[in-house]
Amino acid sequence: MNEDIKKRLSHRIKIIAGQVNGLEKMIDDERYCLDIIGQSLAIQKSLASINKVLLENHVRTHLRHQLSSENEADVERAVQEMVKLYELNLKNGNASNNEVE
C-alpha cells in the first residue's frame, strides 16, 4: 500500500474516531433518537468510504497484476476475489448502487 493511500485511510479513521466519540456523547446526553441514528448513519458512510479506498487500491494493484498475468492460476485467483467481494457486498446489504465519496 502506498503512502498516499495510508495517509488517506489514517485521516478517515481519525474522522471516524471523532464521529464515534460524538455518538457516544449523544447517547450519554440522551439526545433525540433520530439525531443519534443520523450520527450512526454518518459513521457507516465513513466506514464505507474506507472500504471504497481499500477496494480501489486492491483493484489497481493486486487484481490488475493478477489479471494481466500469463499464469492462469493468477487470473483465476483474481476472478475468485472479485466474486468474493461481490458476495460480501450482497451479504452486507449493499446490493444497490450507492456511491460513497
PDB file of N, CA and C in Angstrom:
ATOM      1  N   MET A   1       0.859  -1.171   0.000  1.00  0.00           N
ATOM      2  CA  MET A   1       0.000   0.000   0.000  1.00  0.00           C
ATOM      3  C   MET A   1       0.903   1.232   0.000  1.00  0.00           C
ATOM      4  N   ASN A   2       0.620   2.159  -0.904  1.00  0.00           N
ATOM      5  CA  ASN A   2       1.493   3.333  -0.974  1.00  0.00           C
ATOM      6  C   ASN A   2       1.167   4.344   0.136  1.00  0.00           C
ATOM      7  N   GLU A   3       2.070   5.266   0.331  1.00  0.00           N
ATOM      8  CA  GLU A   3       1.952   6.227   1.437  1.00  0.00           C
ATOM      9  C   GLU A   3       0.728   7.127   1.306  1.00  0.00           C
ATOM     10  N   ASP A   4       0.360   7.498   0.088  1.00  0.00           N
ATOM     11  CA  ASP A   4      -0.814   8.344  -0.108  1.00  0.00           C
ATOM     12  C   ASP A   4      -2.075   7.643   0.379  1.00  0.00           C
ATOM     13  N   ILE A   5      -2.211   6.381   0.038  1.00  0.00           N
ATOM     14  CA  ILE A   5      -3.379   5.605   0.479  1.00  0.00           C
ATOM     15  C   ILE A   5      -3.371   5.492   2.003  1.00  0.00           C
ATOM     16  N   LYS A   6      -2.224   5.205   2.587  1.00  0.00           N
ATOM     17  CA  LYS A   6      -2.132   5.109   4.049  1.00  0.00           C
ATOM     18  C   LYS A   6      -2.545   6.413   4.716  1.00  0.00           C
ATOM     19  N   LYS A   7      -2.095   7.543   4.166  1.00  0.00           N
ATOM     20  CA  LYS A   7      -2.449   8.847   4.733  1.00  0.00           C
ATOM     21  C   LYS A   7      -3.947   9.097   4.625  1.00  0.00           C
ATOM     22  N   ARG A   8      -4.515   8.783   3.461  1.00  0.00           N
ATOM     23  CA  ARG A   8      -5.959   8.972   3.277  1.00  0.00           C
ATOM     24  C   ARG A   8      -6.747   8.135   4.269  1.00  0.00           C
ATOM     25  N   LEU A   9      -6.344   6.879   4.438  1.00  0.00           N
ATOM     26  CA  LEU A   9      -7.051   5.999   5.365  1.00  0.00           C
ATOM     27  C   LEU A   9      -6.879   6.456   6.807  1.00  0.00           C
ATOM     28  N   SER A  10      -5.681   6.849   7.166  1.00  0.00           N
ATOM     29  CA  SER A  10      -5.428   7.331   8.525  1.00  0.00           C
ATOM     30  C   SER A  10      -6.283   8.560   8.829  1.00  0.00           C
ATOM     31  N   HIS A  11      -6.372   9.469   7.865  1.00  0.00           N
ATOM     32  CA  HIS A  11      -7.185  10.672   8.035  1.00  0.00           C
ATOM     33  C   HIS A  11      -8.653  10.299   8.241  1.00  0.00           C
ATOM     34  N   ARG A  12      -9.152   9.388   7.425  1.00  0.00           N
ATOM     35  CA  ARG A  12     -10.555   8.974   7.546  1.00  0.00           C
ATOM     36  C   ARG A  12     -10.815   8.272   8.872  1.00  0.00           C
ATOM     37  N   ILE A  13      -9.865   7.473   9.320  1.00  0.00           N
ATOM     38  CA  ILE A  13     -10.027   6.775  10.602  1.00  0.00           C
ATOM     39  C   ILE A  13     -10.103   7.775  11.753  1.00  0.00           C
ATOM     40  N   LYS A  14      -9.305   8.822  11.690  1.00  0.00           N
ATOM     41  CA  LYS A  14      -9.361   9.856  12.729  1.00  0.00           C
ATOM     42  C   LYS A  14     -10.712  10.562  12.721  1.00  0.00           C
ATOM     43  N   ILE A  15     -11.247  10.808  11.540  1.00  0.00           N
ATOM     44  CA  ILE A  15     -12.575  11.414  11.438  1.00  0.00           C
ATOM     45  C   ILE A  15     -13.614  10.490  12.061  1.00  0.00           C
ATOM     46  N   ILE A  16     -13.531   9.204  11.740  1.00  0.00           N
ATOM     47  CA  ILE A  16     -14.489   8.235  12.280  1.00  0.00           C
ATOM     48  C   ILE A  16     -14.372   8.157  13.799  1.00  0.00           C
ATOM     49  N   ALA A  17     -13.163   8.193  14.316  1.00  0.00           N
ATOM     50  CA  ALA A  17     -12.981   8.164  15.777  1.00  0.00           C
ATOM     51  C   ALA A  17     -13.701   9.346  16.418  1.00  0.00           C
ATOM     52  N   GLY A  18     -13.585  10.505  15.802  1.00  0.00           N
ATOM     53  CA  GLY A  18     -14.297  11.677  16.308  1.00  0.00           C
ATOM     54  C   GLY A  18     -15.802  11.504  16.224  1.00  0.00           C
ATOM     55  N   GLN A  19     -16.261  10.914  15.125  1.00  0.00           N
ATOM     56  CA  GLN A  19     -17.695  10.672  14.972  1.00  0.00           C
ATOM     57  C   GLN A  19     -18.204   9.690  16.028  1.00  0.00           C
ATOM     58  N   VAL A  20     -17.429   8.645  16.298  1.00  0.00           N
ATOM     59  CA  VAL A  20     -17.829   7.654  17.303  1.00  0.00           C
ATOM     60  C   VAL A  20     -17.856   8.293  18.690  1.00  0.00           C
ATOM     61  N   ASN A  21     -16.866   9.117  18.987  1.00  0.00           N
ATOM     62  CA  ASN A  21     -16.879   9.831  20.268  1.00  0.00           C
ATOM     63  C   ASN A  21     -18.106  10.724  20.373  1.00  0.00           C
ATOM     64  N   GLY A  22     -18.442  11.377  19.267  1.00  0.00           N
ATOM     65  CA  GLY A  22     -19.636  12.210  19.247  1.00  0.00           C
ATOM     66  C   GLY A  22     -20.898  11.394  19.457  1.00  0.00           C
ATOM     67  N   LEU A  23     -20.942  10.216  18.853  1.00  0.00           N
ATOM     68  CA  LEU A  23     -22.091   9.324  19.014  1.00  0.00           C
ATOM     69  C   LEU A  23     -22.239   8.900  20.470  1.00  0.00           C
ATOM     70  N   GLU A  24     -21.130   8.541  21.084  1.00  0.00           N
ATOM     71  CA  GLU A  24     -21.163   8.143  22.491  1.00  0.00           C
ATOM     72  C   GLU A  24     -21.668   9.289  23.369  1.00  0.00           C
ATOM     73  N   LYS A  25     -21.218  10.498  23.095  1.00  0.00           N
ATOM     74  CA  LYS A  25     -21.662  11.659  23.864  1.00  0.00           C
ATOM     75  C   LYS A  25     -23.154  11.903  23.662  1.00  0.00           C
ATOM     76  N   MET A  26     -23.615  11.735  22.429  1.00  0.00           N
ATOM     77  CA  MET A  26     -25.040  11.915  22.153  1.00  0.00           C
ATOM     78  C   MET A  26     -25.876  10.928  22.959  1.00  0.00           C
ATOM     79  N   ILE A  27     -25.400   9.683  23.038  1.00  0.00           N
ATOM     80  CA  ILE A  27     -26.119   8.665  23.809  1.00  0.00           C
ATOM     81  C   ILE A  27     -26.085   9.012  25.293  1.00  0.00           C
ATOM     82  N   ASP A  28     -24.912   9.389  25.787  1.00  0.00           N
ATOM     83  CA  ASP A  28     -24.788   9.773  27.200  1.00  0.00           C
ATOM     84  C   ASP A  28     -25.687  10.958  27.540  1.00  0.00           C
ATOM     85  N   ASP A  29     -25.801  11.895  26.605  1.00  0.00           N
ATOM     86  CA  ASP A  29     -26.625  13.086  26.817  1.00  0.00           C
ATOM     87  C   ASP A  29     -28.102  12.843  26.530  1.00  0.00           C
ATOM     88  N   GLU A  30     -28.427  11.599  26.159  1.00  0.00           N
ATOM     89  CA  GLU A  30     -29.804  11.207  25.843  1.00  0.00           C
ATOM     90  C   GLU A  30     -30.420  12.110  24.783  1.00  0.00           C
ATOM     91  N   ARG A  31     -29.670  12.342  23.730  1.00  0.00           N
ATOM     92  CA  ARG A  31     -30.154  13.164  22.627  1.00  0.00           C
ATOM     93  C   ARG A  31     -31.293  12.457  21.910  1.00  0.00           C
ATOM     94  N   TYR A  32     -31.980  13.196  21.090  1.00  0.00           N
ATOM     95  CA  TYR A  32     -33.115  12.699  20.327  1.00  0.00           C
ATOM     96  C   TYR A  32     -32.676  11.510  19.468  1.00  0.00           C
ATOM     97  N   CYS A  33     -33.457  10.439  19.507  1.00  0.00           N
ATOM     98  CA  CYS A  33     -33.079   9.184  18.842  1.00  0.00           C
ATOM     99  C   CYS A  33     -32.755   9.368  17.361  1.00  0.00           C
ATOM    100  N   LEU A  34     -33.544  10.169  16.664  1.00  0.00           N
ATOM    101  CA  LEU A  34     -33.290  10.357  15.235  1.00  0.00           C
ATOM    102  C   LEU A  34     -31.964  11.064  14.985  1.00  0.00           C
ATOM    103  N   ASP A  35     -31.569  11.941  15.884  1.00  0.00           N
ATOM    104  CA  ASP A  35     -30.252  12.579  15.765  1.00  0.00           C
ATOM    105  C   ASP A  35     -29.133  11.555  15.958  1.00  0.00           C
ATOM    106  N   ILE A  36     -29.331  10.657  16.907  1.00  0.00           N
ATOM    107  CA  ILE A  36     -28.340   9.606  17.154  1.00  0.00           C
ATOM    108  C   ILE A  36     -28.244   8.684  15.944  1.00  0.00           C
ATOM    109  N   ILE A  37     -29.384   8.320  15.396  1.00  0.00           N
ATOM    110  CA  ILE A  37     -29.395   7.476  14.199  1.00  0.00           C
ATOM    111  C   ILE A  37     -28.683   8.176  13.048  1.00  0.00           C
ATOM    112  N   GLY A  38     -28.921   9.459  12.902  1.00  0.00           N
ATOM    113  CA  GLY A  38     -28.242  10.223  11.852  1.00  0.00           C
ATOM    114  C   GLY A  38     -26.734  10.170  12.010  1.00  0.00           C
ATOM    115  N   GLN A  39     -26.264  10.293  13.239  1.00  0.00           N
ATOM    116  CA  GLN A  39     -24.823  10.206  13.503  1.00  0.00           C
ATOM    117  C   GLN A  39     -24.308   8.802  13.203  1.00  0.00           C
ATOM    118  N   SER A  40     -25.065   7.800  13.597  1.00  0.00           N
ATOM    119  CA  SER A  40     -24.681   6.416  13.330  1.00  0.00           C
ATOM    120  C   SER A  40     -24.586   6.155  11.825  1.00  0.00           C
ATOM    121  N   LEU A  41     -25.533   6.673  11.080  1.00  0.00           N
ATOM    122  CA  LEU A  41     -25.506   6.502   9.618  1.00  0.00           C
ATOM    123  C   LEU A  41     -24.314   7.227   8.995  1.00  0.00           C
ATOM    124  N   ALA A  42     -23.966   8.375   9.541  1.00  0.00           N
ATOM    125  CA  ALA A  42     -22.793   9.102   9.044  1.00  0.00           C
ATOM    126  C   ALA A  42     -21.523   8.283   9.274  1.00  0.00           C
ATOM    127  N   ILE A  43     -21.456   7.618  10.412  1.00  0.00           N
ATOM    128  CA  ILE A  43     -20.301   6.759  10.708  1.00  0.00           C
ATOM    129  C   ILE A  43     -20.244   5.599   9.722  1.00  0.00           C
ATOM    130  N   GLN A  44     -21.396   5.004   9.449  1.00  0.00           N
ATOM    131  CA  GLN A  44     -21.436   3.897   8.494  1.00  0.00           C
ATOM    132  C   GLN A  44     -20.988   4.344   7.106  1.00  0.00           C
ATOM    133  N   LYS A  45     -21.394   5.533   6.715  1.00  0.00           N
ATOM    134  CA  LYS A  45     -20.980   6.062   5.416  1.00  0.00           C
ATOM    135  C   LYS A  45     -19.469   6.295   5.397  1.00  0.00           C
ATOM    136  N   SER A  46     -18.937   6.787   6.491  1.00  0.00           N
ATOM    137  CA  SER A  46     -17.492   6.996   6.584  1.00  0.00           C
ATOM    138  C   SER A  46     -16.734   5.673   6.509  1.00  0.00           C
ATOM    139  N   LEU A  47     -17.258   4.650   7.176  1.00  0.00           N
ATOM    140  CA  LEU A  47     -16.635   3.327   7.095  1.00  0.00           C
ATOM    141  C   LEU A  47     -16.685   2.789   5.669  1.00  0.00           C
ATOM    142  N   ALA A  48     -17.803   3.021   4.997  1.00  0.00           N
ATOM    143  CA  ALA A  48     -17.922   2.582   3.603  1.00  0.00           C
ATOM    144  C   ALA A  48     -16.895   3.284   2.727  1.00  0.00           C
ATOM    145  N   SER A  49     -16.582   4.534   3.054  1.00  0.00           N
ATOM    146  CA  SER A  49     -15.584   5.253   2.258  1.00  0.00           C
ATOM    147  C   SER A  49     -14.200   4.629   2.429  1.00  0.00           C
ATOM    148  N   ILE A  50     -13.923   4.090   3.605  1.00  0.00           N
ATOM    149  CA  ILE A  50     -12.658   3.379   3.817  1.00  0.00           C
ATOM    150  C   ILE A  50     -12.628   2.123   2.953  1.00  0.00           C
ATOM    151  N   ASN A  51     -13.728   1.396   2.942  1.00  0.00           N
ATOM    152  CA  ASN A  51     -13.796   0.196   2.112  1.00  0.00           C
ATOM    153  C   ASN A  51     -13.593   0.529   0.644  1.00  0.00           C
ATOM    154  N   LYS A  52     -14.146   1.649   0.215  1.00  0.00           N
ATOM    155  CA  LYS A  52     -14.003   2.050  -1.183  1.00  0.00           C
ATOM    156  C   LYS A  52     -12.536   2.312  -1.521  1.00  0.00           C
ATOM    157  N   VAL A  53     -11.832   3.023  -0.654  1.00  0.00           N
ATOM    158  CA  VAL A  53     -10.411   3.305  -0.888  1.00  0.00           C
ATOM    159  C   VAL A  53      -9.617   2.002  -0.912  1.00  0.00           C
ATOM    160  N   LEU A  54      -9.898   1.110   0.030  1.00  0.00           N
ATOM    161  CA  LEU A  54      -9.192  -0.171   0.075  1.00  0.00           C
ATOM    162  C   LEU A  54      -9.470  -1.009  -1.169  1.00  0.00           C
ATOM    163  N   LEU A  55     -10.721  -1.030  -1.586  1.00  0.00           N
ATOM    164  CA  LEU A  55     -11.080  -1.788  -2.782  1.00  0.00           C
ATOM    165  C   LEU A  55     -10.395  -1.216  -4.015  1.00  0.00           C
ATOM    166  N   GLU A  56     -10.426   0.097  -4.140  1.00  0.00           N
ATOM    167  CA  GLU A  56      -9.774   0.743  -5.279  1.00  0.00           C
ATOM    168  C   GLU A  56      -8.282   0.412  -5.297  1.00  0.00           C
ATOM    169  N   ASN A  57      -7.649   0.479  -4.144  1.00  0.00           N
ATOM    170  CA  ASN A  57      -6.228   0.149  -4.060  1.00  0.00           C
ATOM    171  C   ASN A  57      -5.989  -1.303  -4.464  1.00  0.00           C
ATOM    172  N   HIS A  58      -6.827  -2.192  -3.981  1.00  0.00           N
ATOM    173  CA  HIS A  58      -6.670  -3.613  -4.284  1.00  0.00           C
ATOM    174  C   HIS A  58      -6.823  -3.876  -5.785  1.00  0.00           C
ATOM    175  N   VAL A  59      -7.817  -3.253  -6.388  1.00  0.00           N
ATOM    176  CA  VAL A  59      -8.040  -3.444  -7.824  1.00  0.00           C
ATOM    177  C   VAL A  59      -6.871  -2.883  -8.627  1.00  0.00           C
ATOM    178  N   ARG A  60      -6.418  -1.694  -8.265  1.00  0.00           N
ATOM    179  CA  ARG A  60      -5.328  -1.049  -9.014  1.00  0.00           C
ATOM    180  C   ARG A  60      -3.985  -1.764  -8.859  1.00  0.00           C
ATOM    181  N   THR A  61      -3.825  -2.501  -7.778  1.00  0.00           N
ATOM    182  CA  THR A  61      -2.537  -3.158  -7.559  1.00  0.00           C
ATOM    183  C   THR A  61      -2.655  -4.664  -7.791  1.00  0.00           C
ATOM    184  N   HIS A  62      -3.217  -5.362  -6.847  1.00  0.00           N
ATOM    185  CA  HIS A  62      -3.233  -6.824  -6.882  1.00  0.00           C
ATOM    186  C   HIS A  62      -4.041  -7.394  -8.048  1.00  0.00           C
ATOM    187  N   LEU A  63      -5.292  -6.983  -8.173  1.00  0.00           N
ATOM    188  CA  LEU A  63      -6.120  -7.562  -9.233  1.00  0.00           C
ATOM    189  C   LEU A  63      -5.593  -7.206 -10.612  1.00  0.00           C
ATOM    190  N   ARG A  64      -5.166  -5.987 -10.774  1.00  0.00           N
ATOM    191  CA  ARG A  64      -4.616  -5.563 -12.063  1.00  0.00           C
ATOM    192  C   ARG A  64      -3.432  -6.454 -12.451  1.00  0.00           C
ATOM    193  N   HIS A  65      -2.557  -6.695 -11.499  1.00  0.00           N
ATOM    194  CA  HIS A  65      -1.391  -7.545 -11.744  1.00  0.00           C
ATOM    195  C   HIS A  65      -1.825  -8.979 -12.060  1.00  0.00           C
ATOM    196  N   GLN A  66      -2.749  -9.500 -11.265  1.00  0.00           N
ATOM    197  CA  GLN A  66      -3.189 -10.881 -11.461  1.00  0.00           C
ATOM    198  C   GLN A  66      -3.884 -11.063 -12.807  1.00  0.00           C
ATOM    199  N   LEU A  67      -4.730 -10.099 -13.183  1.00  0.00           N
ATOM    200  CA  LEU A  67      -5.464 -10.228 -14.443  1.00  0.00           C
ATOM    201  C   LEU A  67      -4.561 -10.112 -15.666  1.00  0.00           C
ATOM    202  N   SER A  68      -3.450  -9.425 -15.536  1.00  0.00           N
ATOM    203  CA  SER A  68      -2.535  -9.283 -16.672  1.00  0.00           C
ATOM    204  C   SER A  68      -1.489 -10.399 -16.712  1.00  0.00           C
ATOM    205  N   SER A  69      -1.554 -11.292 -15.761  1.00  0.00           N
ATOM    206  CA  SER A  69      -0.577 -12.374 -15.672  1.00  0.00           C
ATOM    207  C   SER A  69      -0.802 -13.411 -16.767  1.00  0.00           C
ATOM    208  N   GLU A  70       0.277 -14.019 -17.190  1.00  0.00           N
ATOM    209  CA  GLU A  70       0.207 -15.144 -18.130  1.00  0.00           C
ATOM    210  C   GLU A  70      -0.184 -16.428 -17.397  1.00  0.00           C
ATOM    211  N   ASN A  71      -0.053 -16.398 -16.083  1.00  0.00           N
ATOM    212  CA  ASN A  71      -0.344 -17.563 -15.253  1.00  0.00           C
ATOM    213  C   ASN A  71      -1.852 -17.658 -15.031  1.00  0.00           C
ATOM    214  N   GLU A  72      -2.442 -18.726 -15.506  1.00  0.00           N
ATOM    215  CA  GLU A  72      -3.888 -18.911 -15.394  1.00  0.00           C
ATOM    216  C   GLU A  72      -4.343 -18.954 -13.936  1.00  0.00           C
ATOM    217  N   ALA A  73      -3.517 -19.462 -13.049  1.00  0.00           N
ATOM    218  CA  ALA A  73      -3.875 -19.515 -11.623  1.00  0.00           C
ATOM    219  C   ALA A  73      -4.017 -18.107 -11.046  1.00  0.00           C
ATOM    220  N   ASP A  74      -3.175 -17.182 -11.476  1.00  0.00           N
ATOM    221  CA  ASP A  74      -3.284 -15.791 -11.021  1.00  0.00           C
ATOM    222  C   ASP A  74      -4.586 -15.162 -11.494  1.00  0.00           C
ATOM    223  N   VAL A  75      -4.919 -15.412 -12.748  1.00  0.00           N
ATOM    224  CA  VAL A  75      -6.161 -14.867 -13.305  1.00  0.00           C
ATOM    225  C   VAL A  75      -7.361 -15.450 -12.560  1.00  0.00           C
ATOM    226  N   GLU A  76      -7.339 -16.751 -12.324  1.00  0.00           N
ATOM    227  CA  GLU A  76      -8.438 -17.402 -11.611  1.00  0.00           C
ATOM    228  C   GLU A  76      -8.564 -16.856 -10.191  1.00  0.00           C
ATOM    229  N   ARG A  77      -7.438 -16.606  -9.528  1.00  0.00           N
ATOM    230  CA  ARG A  77      -7.464 -16.036  -8.176  1.00  0.00           C
ATOM    231  C   ARG A  77      -8.111 -14.649  -8.197  1.00  0.00           C
ATOM    232  N   ALA A  78      -7.801 -13.856  -9.216  1.00  0.00           N
ATOM    233  CA  ALA A  78      -8.395 -12.522  -9.337  1.00  0.00           C
ATOM    234  C   ALA A  78      -9.902 -12.621  -9.523  1.00  0.00           C
ATOM    235  N   VAL A  79     -10.325 -13.546 -10.364  1.00  0.00           N
ATOM    236  CA  VAL A  79     -11.762 -13.735 -10.592  1.00  0.00           C
ATOM    237  C   VAL A  79     -12.444 -14.148  -9.295  1.00  0.00           C
ATOM    238  N   GLN A  80     -11.851 -15.087  -8.567  1.00  0.00           N
ATOM    239  CA  GLN A  80     -12.435 -15.538  -7.303  1.00  0.00           C
ATOM    240  C   GLN A  80     -12.497 -14.413  -6.276  1.00  0.00           C
ATOM    241  N   GLU A  81     -11.492 -13.553  -6.262  1.00  0.00           N
ATOM    242  CA  GLU A  81     -11.519 -12.410  -5.342  1.00  0.00           C
ATOM    243  C   GLU A  81     -12.649 -11.452  -5.693  1.00  0.00           C
ATOM    244  N   MET A  82     -12.870 -11.222  -6.978  1.00  0.00           N
ATOM    245  CA  MET A  82     -13.968 -10.335  -7.385  1.00  0.00           C
ATOM    246  C   MET A  82     -15.314 -10.931  -7.006  1.00  0.00           C
ATOM    247  N   VAL A  83     -15.468 -12.235  -7.181  1.00  0.00           N
ATOM    248  CA  VAL A  83     -16.707 -12.905  -6.791  1.00  0.00           C
ATOM    249  C   VAL A  83     -16.900 -12.800  -5.279  1.00  0.00           C
ATOM    250  N   LYS A  84     -15.834 -13.015  -4.529  1.00  0.00           N
ATOM    251  CA  LYS A  84     -15.919 -12.916  -3.067  1.00  0.00           C
ATOM    252  C   LYS A  84     -16.320 -11.503  -2.636  1.00  0.00           C
ATOM    253  N   LEU A  85     -15.742 -10.492  -3.265  1.00  0.00           N
ATOM    254  CA  LEU A  85     -16.110  -9.110  -2.952  1.00  0.00           C
ATOM    255  C   LEU A  85     -17.583  -8.858  -3.237  1.00  0.00           C
ATOM    256  N   TYR A  86     -18.058  -9.377  -4.348  1.00  0.00           N
ATOM    257  CA  TYR A  86     -19.471  -9.229  -4.701  1.00  0.00           C
ATOM    258  C   TYR A  86     -20.349  -9.908  -3.653  1.00  0.00           C
ATOM    259  N   GLU A  87     -19.982 -11.108  -3.251  1.00  0.00           N
ATOM    260  CA  GLU A  87     -20.757 -11.826  -2.237  1.00  0.00           C
ATOM    261  C   GLU A  87     -20.754 -11.090  -0.901  1.00  0.00           C
ATOM    262  N   LEU A  88     -19.608 -10.548  -0.509  1.00  0.00           N
ATOM    263  CA  LEU A  88     -19.546  -9.766   0.732  1.00  0.00           C
ATOM    264  C   LEU A  88     -20.454  -8.551   0.650  1.00  0.00           C
ATOM    265  N   ASN A  89     -20.476  -7.925  -0.510  1.00  0.00           N
ATOM    266  CA  ASN A  89     -21.322  -6.765  -0.717  1.00  0.00           C
ATOM    267  C   ASN A  89     -22.795  -7.143  -0.563  1.00  0.00           C
ATOM    268  N   LEU A  90     -23.186  -8.251  -1.153  1.00  0.00           N
ATOM    269  CA  LEU A  90     -24.570  -8.709  -1.028  1.00  0.00           C
ATOM    270  C   LEU A  90     -24.897  -9.087   0.413  1.00  0.00           C
ATOM    271  N   LYS A  91     -23.980  -9.771   1.065  1.00  0.00           N
ATOM    272  CA  LYS A  91     -24.182 -10.206   2.449  1.00  0.00           C
ATOM    273  C   LYS A  91     -24.410  -9.015   3.373  1.00  0.00           C
ATOM    274  N   ASN A  92     -23.732  -7.923   3.090  1.00  0.00           N
ATOM    275  CA  ASN A  92     -23.848  -6.733   3.925  1.00  0.00           C
ATOM    276  C   ASN A  92     -24.973  -5.810   3.491  1.00  0.00           C
ATOM    277  N   GLY A  93     -25.815  -6.276   2.578  1.00  0.00           N
ATOM    278  CA  GLY A  93     -26.979  -5.498   2.185  1.00  0.00           C
ATOM    279  C   GLY A  93     -26.663  -4.297   1.327  1.00  0.00           C
ATOM    280  N   ASN A  94     -25.589  -4.352   0.573  1.00  0.00           N
ATOM    281  CA  ASN A  94     -25.191  -3.229  -0.266  1.00  0.00           C
ATOM    282  C   ASN A  94     -25.400  -3.536  -1.735  1.00  0.00           C
ATOM    283  N   ALA A  95     -26.495  -4.177  -2.054  1.00  0.00           N
ATOM    284  CA  ALA A  95     -26.728  -4.572  -3.440  1.00  0.00           C
ATOM    285  C   ALA A  95     -27.065  -3.386  -4.323  1.00  0.00           C
ATOM    286  N   SER A  96     -27.513  -2.290  -3.736  1.00  0.00           N
ATOM    287  CA  SER A  96     -27.838  -1.120  -4.546  1.00  0.00           C
ATOM    288  C   SER A  96     -26.563  -0.445  -5.008  1.00  0.00           C
ATOM    289  N   ASN A  97     -26.710   0.470  -5.914  1.00  0.00           N
ATOM    290  CA  ASN A  97     -25.548   1.146  -6.498  1.00  0.00           C
ATOM    291  C   ASN A  97     -25.313   2.482  -5.811  1.00  0.00           C
ATOM    292  N   ASN A  98     -25.195   2.470  -4.489  1.00  0.00           N
ATOM    293  CA  ASN A  98     -24.957   3.700  -3.736  1.00  0.00           C
ATOM    294  C   ASN A  98     -23.498   4.081  -3.839  1.00  0.00           C
ATOM    295  N   GLU A  99     -23.251   5.313  -4.274  1.00  0.00           N
ATOM    296  CA  GLU A  99     -21.876   5.780  -4.377  1.00  0.00           C
ATOM    297  C   GLU A  99     -21.511   6.507  -3.101  1.00  0.00           C
ATOM    298  N   VAL A 100     -20.342   6.185  -2.585  1.00  0.00           N
ATOM    299  CA  VAL A 100     -19.845   6.819  -1.366  1.00  0.00           C
ATOM    300  C   VAL A 100     -18.598   7.591  -1.726  1.00  0.00           C
ATOM    301  N   GLU A 101     -18.553   8.850  -1.371  1.00  0.00           N
ATOM    302  CA  GLU A 101     -17.369   9.678  -1.646  1.00  0.00           C
ATOM    303  C   GLU A 101     -16.602   9.914  -0.389  1.00  0.00           C
TER     304      GLU A 101
END
